[in-house]
Amino acid sequence: MVEHGAEPRGRNRDANREDQNAGRDERKSTGDEGSIFDELLQTNLELRTDDAGETVRRIDTDQLIDFVRHGPVLEALVHAPLDRREIEAELGVSRATSHRFTRWLGEHDLAEKVDGRFRLTGYGQVVTEEVRRFERNLATAERLAPLLESICQSHQEFVIEPFGDATVTVASPADPYRPVQRFLTLLDKSDTLRGFNTTHMVPLSLGAFHEQLFENIDTEIIYLPDAVEKLVETYPEPATAALERGHLKLRTREALPYGLAIFDDRVGIGGYDERTGTMQVFVDSETAIARKWAERVYGVYRERSEPLGEDAS
């Protein structure tokens, strides 16, 4: 249903390393280096790209499994120290099991007994948080699998943490247009739209959407040059009028990674079938961290795009 740009998606991936480095430079130059979120994104990306070839000391597999297996008791102690009876009640385990848990915690220096209660050590707090993060990220990755399959082969600036509670809309043989319909539903509730895409946000044949784009929504979109050309060719008068009013702003870039849409209240990411160009999945979220990520990524690509010249319309 969604038309793909004339150029193959391989062209978009060729510039990936440049985009990753550009993203790091942009984050360093925006003047808000003190932002914890920006620091996390920058560190995450640098660890993935710069240290990819380094040998990392790996934890023993059995020990890792033990940490995950004991995740419930670790998590039970996060909020406050507990005695054995409280552990038994919290986890619904027997007395023998609670003794086994607390013995394991002590043997691994993860918890200590103080005044009859077990509390996490500093090391135990870190291990607990990493186990919880590991489980959250695995669950998120499983939910986002259709999207990750289409965008994450080479675009390492994408991070899954902001999308743990996202709505995932996947195309199916029975309903191949569900992702596009989800996009249009969110657009109907928004007065603004910013984003970029490797193709048109929705098929050019959907005149109602483009009428909305030209008349009702303040829009700024970064497209591949051929996508902009096709848009203006298909809707010459309304597109030109919207561009002249400044209601519609188009920018171009030779390479883009995937589809990104920033609405008033939500942000979304679209993944496409490489062969057909159809939207296969749309993932959207209303969380502040997802919006922060989307704003940052959009800013990086916008900075490295060109505004459509008046003579081009």
Protein backbone atom coordinates (compact mmCIF):
# COMPACT_ATOMS: atom_id res chain seq x y z
CA MET A 1 0.00 0.00 0.00
CA VAL A 2 2.79 2.42 0.82
CA GLU A 3 4.88 3.35 -2.19
CA HIS A 4 8.59 3.04 -1.74
CA GLY A 5 11.16 5.52 -3.06
CA ALA A 6 12.72 4.80 -6.42
CA GLU A 7 16.15 4.18 -4.94
CA PRO A 8 16.90 0.89 -3.13
CA ARG A 9 17.04 0.93 0.64
CA GLY A 10 20.64 -0.20 0.43
CA ARG A 11 21.51 3.35 -0.44
CA ASN A 12 20.05 4.48 2.87
CA ARG A 13 22.25 2.04 4.80
CA ASP A 14 25.47 3.06 3.04
CA ALA A 15 25.50 6.33 4.95
CA ASN A 16 24.78 4.72 8.30
CA ARG A 17 28.25 5.10 9.83
CA GLU A 18 28.28 8.76 8.84
CA ASP A 19 24.89 9.23 10.49
CA GLN A 20 26.00 7.51 13.70
CA ASN A 21 29.07 9.72 13.98
CA ALA A 22 26.97 12.75 13.09
CA GLY A 23 24.58 11.85 15.88
CA ARG A 24 27.41 11.79 18.40
CA ASP A 25 28.74 15.13 17.16
CA GLU A 26 25.27 16.67 17.29
CA ARG A 27 24.66 15.50 20.83
CA LYS A 28 28.00 16.95 21.92
CA SER A 29 27.32 20.34 20.33
CA THR A 30 23.78 21.13 21.47
CA GLY A 31 24.82 22.75 24.73
CA ASP A 32 22.91 20.43 27.05
CA GLU A 33 25.63 17.87 27.75
CA GLY A 34 24.44 17.80 31.33
CA SER A 35 21.28 15.98 30.30
CA ILE A 36 21.33 12.48 31.75
CA PHE A 37 19.25 11.21 28.87
CA ASP A 38 21.63 12.62 26.25
CA GLU A 39 24.58 11.17 28.11
CA LEU A 40 22.95 7.74 28.17
CA LEU A 41 22.22 7.86 24.46
CA GLN A 42 25.72 9.03 23.62
CA THR A 43 27.36 6.41 25.80
CA ASN A 44 25.09 3.67 24.47
CA LEU A 45 25.96 4.52 20.89
CA GLU A 46 29.68 4.91 21.52
CA LEU A 47 29.87 1.57 23.32
CA ARG A 48 28.12 -0.13 20.41
CA THR A 49 30.23 1.43 17.67
CA ASP A 50 33.65 2.32 19.05
CA ASP A 51 34.22 -0.72 21.26
CA ALA A 52 32.61 -3.31 19.01
CA GLY A 53 35.94 -4.95 18.31
CA GLU A 54 37.17 -5.13 21.89
CA THR A 55 37.12 -8.35 23.87
CA VAL A 56 34.58 -8.08 26.69
CA ARG A 57 34.95 -10.15 29.85
CA ARG A 58 31.87 -12.32 29.91
CA ILE A 59 30.17 -13.49 33.07
CA ASP A 60 29.98 -17.22 33.69
CA THR A 61 26.81 -18.61 32.10
CA ASP A 62 25.75 -20.49 35.22
CA GLN A 63 26.20 -17.36 37.31
CA LEU A 64 24.14 -15.32 34.87
CA ILE A 65 21.36 -17.91 34.96
CA ASP A 66 21.52 -17.84 38.77
CA PHE A 67 21.08 -14.06 38.81
CA VAL A 68 18.03 -14.27 36.57
CA ARG A 69 16.57 -17.22 38.47
CA HIS A 70 16.84 -15.28 41.71
CA GLY A 71 15.42 -12.12 40.17
CA PRO A 72 12.17 -12.27 42.19
CA VAL A 73 13.91 -12.31 45.57
CA LEU A 74 16.32 -9.60 44.48
CA GLU A 75 13.42 -7.45 43.34
CA ALA A 76 11.52 -8.13 46.56
CA LEU A 77 14.37 -6.53 48.52
CA VAL A 78 14.62 -3.42 46.33
CA HIS A 79 12.10 -1.32 48.22
CA ALA A 80 12.90 -2.33 51.79
CA PRO A 81 14.73 -4.99 53.84
CA LEU A 82 12.64 -8.08 54.62
CA ASP A 83 12.88 -10.90 57.10
CA ARG A 84 12.41 -14.52 56.03
CA ARG A 85 8.70 -14.62 56.80
CA GLU A 86 8.14 -11.48 54.78
CA ILE A 87 10.12 -12.97 51.89
CA GLU A 88 7.98 -16.11 52.08
CA ALA A 89 4.78 -14.05 52.03
CA GLU A 90 6.00 -11.73 49.28
CA LEU A 91 7.08 -14.54 46.96
CA GLY A 92 4.66 -17.23 48.05
CA VAL A 93 7.47 -19.70 48.80
CA SER A 94 8.12 -22.21 51.54
CA ARG A 95 10.36 -21.72 54.54
CA ALA A 96 12.95 -24.07 53.02
CA THR A 97 12.99 -22.04 49.81
CA SER A 98 13.37 -18.73 51.64
CA HIS A 99 16.34 -20.19 53.54
CA ARG A 100 17.86 -21.29 50.26
CA PHE A 101 17.33 -17.82 48.77
CA THR A 102 18.86 -15.94 51.69
CA ARG A 103 21.81 -18.32 51.88
CA TRP A 104 22.48 -17.76 48.17
CA LEU A 105 22.24 -13.99 48.62
CA GLY A 106 24.80 -14.07 51.41
CA GLU A 107 27.19 -16.39 49.59
CA HIS A 108 27.27 -14.00 46.65
CA ASP A 109 27.53 -10.81 48.75
CA LEU A 110 24.26 -9.56 47.31
CA ALA A 111 22.50 -9.07 50.64
CA GLU A 112 23.37 -8.85 54.33
CA LYS A 113 21.34 -9.57 57.44
CA VAL A 114 20.84 -6.54 59.67
CA ASP A 115 18.53 -6.65 62.73
CA GLY A 116 16.90 -9.81 61.48
CA ARG A 117 16.16 -8.45 58.01
CA PHE A 118 17.94 -8.97 54.72
CA ARG A 119 18.90 -5.90 52.76
CA LEU A 120 20.72 -5.57 49.48
CA THR A 121 24.35 -4.55 49.48
CA GLY A 122 25.56 -1.89 47.06
CA TYR A 123 26.68 -4.66 44.75
CA GLY A 124 23.31 -6.35 45.18
CA GLN A 125 21.45 -3.17 44.23
CA VAL A 126 23.42 -2.88 41.00
CA VAL A 127 22.95 -6.55 40.13
CA THR A 128 19.23 -6.29 40.85
CA GLU A 129 18.79 -3.27 38.61
CA GLU A 130 20.74 -4.92 35.79
CA VAL A 131 18.67 -8.10 36.06
CA ARG A 132 15.47 -6.03 35.95
CA ARG A 133 16.81 -4.04 32.99
CA PHE A 134 17.83 -7.24 31.21
CA GLU A 135 14.37 -8.73 31.62
CA ARG A 136 12.63 -5.50 30.59
CA ASN A 137 14.78 -5.13 27.49
CA LEU A 138 14.31 -8.74 26.45
CA ALA A 139 10.54 -8.36 26.82
CA THR A 140 10.65 -5.11 24.83
CA ALA A 141 12.82 -6.64 22.12
CA GLU A 142 10.36 -9.51 21.79
CA ARG A 143 7.45 -7.10 21.35
CA LEU A 144 9.39 -4.93 18.90
CA ALA A 145 10.76 -7.88 16.91
CA PRO A 146 8.87 -6.97 13.69
CA LEU A 147 10.28 -3.44 13.82
CA LEU A 148 13.80 -4.48 14.80
CA GLU A 149 13.91 -6.92 11.91
CA SER A 150 13.33 -4.11 9.44
CA ILE A 151 15.42 -1.27 10.88
CA CYS A 152 18.17 -2.50 13.18
CA GLN A 153 20.46 -4.44 10.89
CA SER A 154 22.74 -1.45 10.64
CA HIS A 155 21.09 1.57 12.30
CA GLN A 156 22.53 1.37 15.77
CA GLU A 157 21.28 4.79 16.86
CA PHE A 158 17.96 3.09 17.62
CA VAL A 159 17.54 2.11 21.27
CA ILE A 160 14.69 -0.01 22.60
CA GLU A 161 14.43 1.31 26.16
CA PRO A 162 12.07 4.23 25.34
CA PHE A 163 9.56 1.88 23.71
CA GLY A 164 8.93 -0.66 26.46
CA ASP A 165 5.24 0.30 26.70
CA ALA A 166 4.73 1.18 23.04
CA THR A 167 1.77 0.20 20.90
CA VAL A 168 2.95 -2.20 18.19
CA THR A 169 0.81 -2.45 15.06
CA VAL A 170 1.82 -5.18 12.61
CA ALA A 171 0.49 -5.91 9.14
CA SER A 172 -1.10 -9.31 8.60
CA PRO A 173 -2.46 -11.18 5.58
CA ALA A 174 -5.98 -10.50 6.85
CA ASP A 175 -5.29 -6.80 7.45
CA PRO A 176 -2.19 -5.64 5.56
CA TYR A 177 -2.94 -1.94 6.08
CA ARG A 178 -3.15 -1.88 9.89
CA PRO A 179 0.14 0.06 10.37
CA VAL A 180 -0.93 2.78 7.93
CA GLN A 181 -4.36 2.98 9.55
CA ARG A 182 -2.72 3.38 12.96
CA PHE A 183 -0.59 6.21 11.57
CA LEU A 184 -3.67 7.96 10.12
CA THR A 185 -5.58 7.58 13.41
CA LEU A 186 -2.80 9.35 15.30
CA LEU A 187 -2.54 12.03 12.64
CA ASP A 188 -6.26 12.82 12.96
CA LYS A 189 -5.65 13.71 16.61
CA SER A 190 -2.64 15.94 15.94
CA ASP A 191 -2.26 19.53 14.73
CA THR A 192 1.40 19.09 13.83
CA LEU A 193 3.60 16.50 12.16
CA ARG A 194 7.35 16.32 11.92
CA GLY A 195 9.40 13.42 10.74
CA PHE A 196 11.35 11.71 8.02
CA ASN A 197 10.81 8.69 5.86
CA THR A 198 12.43 6.62 3.14
CA THR A 199 9.18 6.93 1.18
CA HIS A 200 5.91 8.87 1.37
CA MET A 201 4.30 8.78 4.79
CA VAL A 202 1.24 7.20 3.20
CA PRO A 203 0.48 6.27 -0.45
CA LEU A 204 0.14 9.20 -2.81
CA SER A 205 -3.20 7.73 -3.87
CA LEU A 206 -4.73 8.69 -0.50
CA GLY A 207 -5.94 12.14 -1.45
CA ALA A 208 -7.73 12.75 1.86
CA PHE A 209 -4.46 12.40 3.77
CA HIS A 210 -2.63 14.79 1.49
CA GLU A 211 -5.45 17.31 1.65
CA GLN A 212 -5.04 17.20 5.41
CA LEU A 213 -1.29 17.51 4.99
CA PHE A 214 -1.62 20.57 2.75
CA GLU A 215 -4.46 22.33 4.57
CA ASN A 216 -4.90 21.35 8.21
CA ILE A 217 -1.61 20.25 9.74
CA ASP A 218 1.59 22.19 10.26
CA THR A 219 4.06 19.79 8.68
CA GLU A 220 7.79 19.46 8.29
CA ILE A 221 9.04 16.29 6.61
CA ILE A 222 12.45 15.13 5.44
CA TYR A 223 12.22 12.93 2.36
CA LEU A 224 14.54 11.45 -0.20
CA PRO A 225 14.77 13.83 -3.18
CA ASP A 226 12.81 11.57 -5.51
CA ALA A 227 9.98 11.28 -2.96
CA VAL A 228 9.68 15.07 -2.79
CA GLU A 229 9.68 15.29 -6.57
CA LYS A 230 6.92 12.69 -6.83
CA LEU A 231 4.82 14.43 -4.17
CA VAL A 232 4.96 17.79 -5.95
CA GLU A 233 4.30 16.16 -9.32
CA THR A 234 1.22 14.38 -8.00
CA TYR A 235 -0.27 17.39 -6.18
CA PRO A 236 1.29 20.42 -7.93
CA GLU A 237 -1.18 23.15 -6.97
CA PRO A 238 -1.99 22.27 -3.32
CA ALA A 239 1.62 21.31 -2.59
CA THR A 240 2.96 24.55 -4.08
CA ALA A 241 0.38 26.63 -2.22
CA ALA A 242 1.16 24.92 1.10
CA LEU A 243 4.89 25.41 0.55
CA GLU A 244 4.43 29.07 -0.28
CA ARG A 245 2.33 29.64 2.87
CA GLY A 246 4.97 27.90 4.97
CA HIS A 247 2.26 25.52 6.16
CA LEU A 248 4.22 22.64 4.64
CA LYS A 249 8.00 22.48 4.91
CA LEU A 250 9.91 19.87 2.95
CA ARG A 251 13.56 19.00 3.37
CA THR A 252 15.66 16.46 1.52
CA ARG A 253 18.45 14.09 2.36
CA GLU A 254 20.18 11.46 0.25
CA ALA A 255 19.93 8.75 2.93
CA LEU A 256 17.41 8.05 5.69
CA PRO A 257 17.21 5.07 8.05
CA TYR A 258 13.48 4.36 8.57
CA GLY A 259 10.23 6.22 9.12
CA LEU A 260 9.90 8.60 12.09
CA ALA A 261 6.76 10.57 12.93
CA ILE A 262 6.40 13.11 15.76
CA PHE A 263 2.79 13.99 16.54
CA ASP A 264 1.44 16.33 19.21
CA ASP A 265 1.14 13.63 21.86
CA ARG A 266 2.92 10.55 20.51
CA VAL A 267 5.93 9.55 18.46
CA GLY A 268 6.08 6.66 16.03
CA ILE A 269 8.51 4.59 13.99
CA GLY A 270 7.66 2.77 10.79
CA GLY A 271 9.38 -0.28 9.36
CA TYR A 272 9.04 -1.24 5.71
CA ASP A 273 9.37 -4.30 3.55
CA GLU A 274 12.56 -3.86 1.53
CA ARG A 275 11.16 -5.51 -1.58
CA THR A 276 7.73 -3.90 -1.80
CA GLY A 277 8.15 -0.73 0.24
CA THR A 278 4.95 -1.44 2.16
CA MET A 279 4.72 -0.48 5.82
CA GLN A 280 4.96 -3.69 7.81
CA VAL A 281 4.95 -2.32 11.34
CA PHE A 282 4.28 0.94 13.16
CA VAL A 283 5.37 1.40 16.77
CA ASP A 284 4.19 4.43 18.74
CA SER A 285 4.57 5.72 22.28
CA GLU A 286 3.45 8.65 24.41
CA THR A 287 6.24 8.45 27.01
CA ALA A 288 8.50 11.43 27.65
CA ILE A 289 11.65 9.37 27.08
CA ALA A 290 10.40 8.18 23.67
CA ARG A 291 9.65 11.76 22.65
CA LYS A 292 13.06 12.88 23.86
CA TRP A 293 14.70 10.16 21.77
CA ALA A 294 12.60 11.03 18.71
CA GLU A 295 13.28 14.76 19.05
CA ARG A 296 17.00 14.10 19.33
CA VAL A 297 17.15 11.79 16.32
CA TYR A 298 14.97 14.09 14.22
CA GLY A 299 17.17 17.05 15.13
CA VAL A 300 20.29 15.19 13.98
CA TYR A 301 18.83 14.32 10.59
CA ARG A 302 17.22 17.74 10.14
CA GLU A 303 20.54 19.46 10.77
CA ARG A 304 22.04 17.38 7.98
CA SER A 305 19.26 17.88 5.45
CA GLU A 306 18.57 20.60 2.91
CA PRO A 307 15.41 22.73 2.74
CA LEU A 308 13.48 22.47 -0.50
CA GLY A 309 14.27 25.54 -2.57
CA GLU A 310 11.45 27.71 -3.89
CA ASP A 311 12.53 26.99 -7.45
CA ALA A 312 12.24 23.25 -6.78
CA SER A 313 8.51 23.54 -6.25
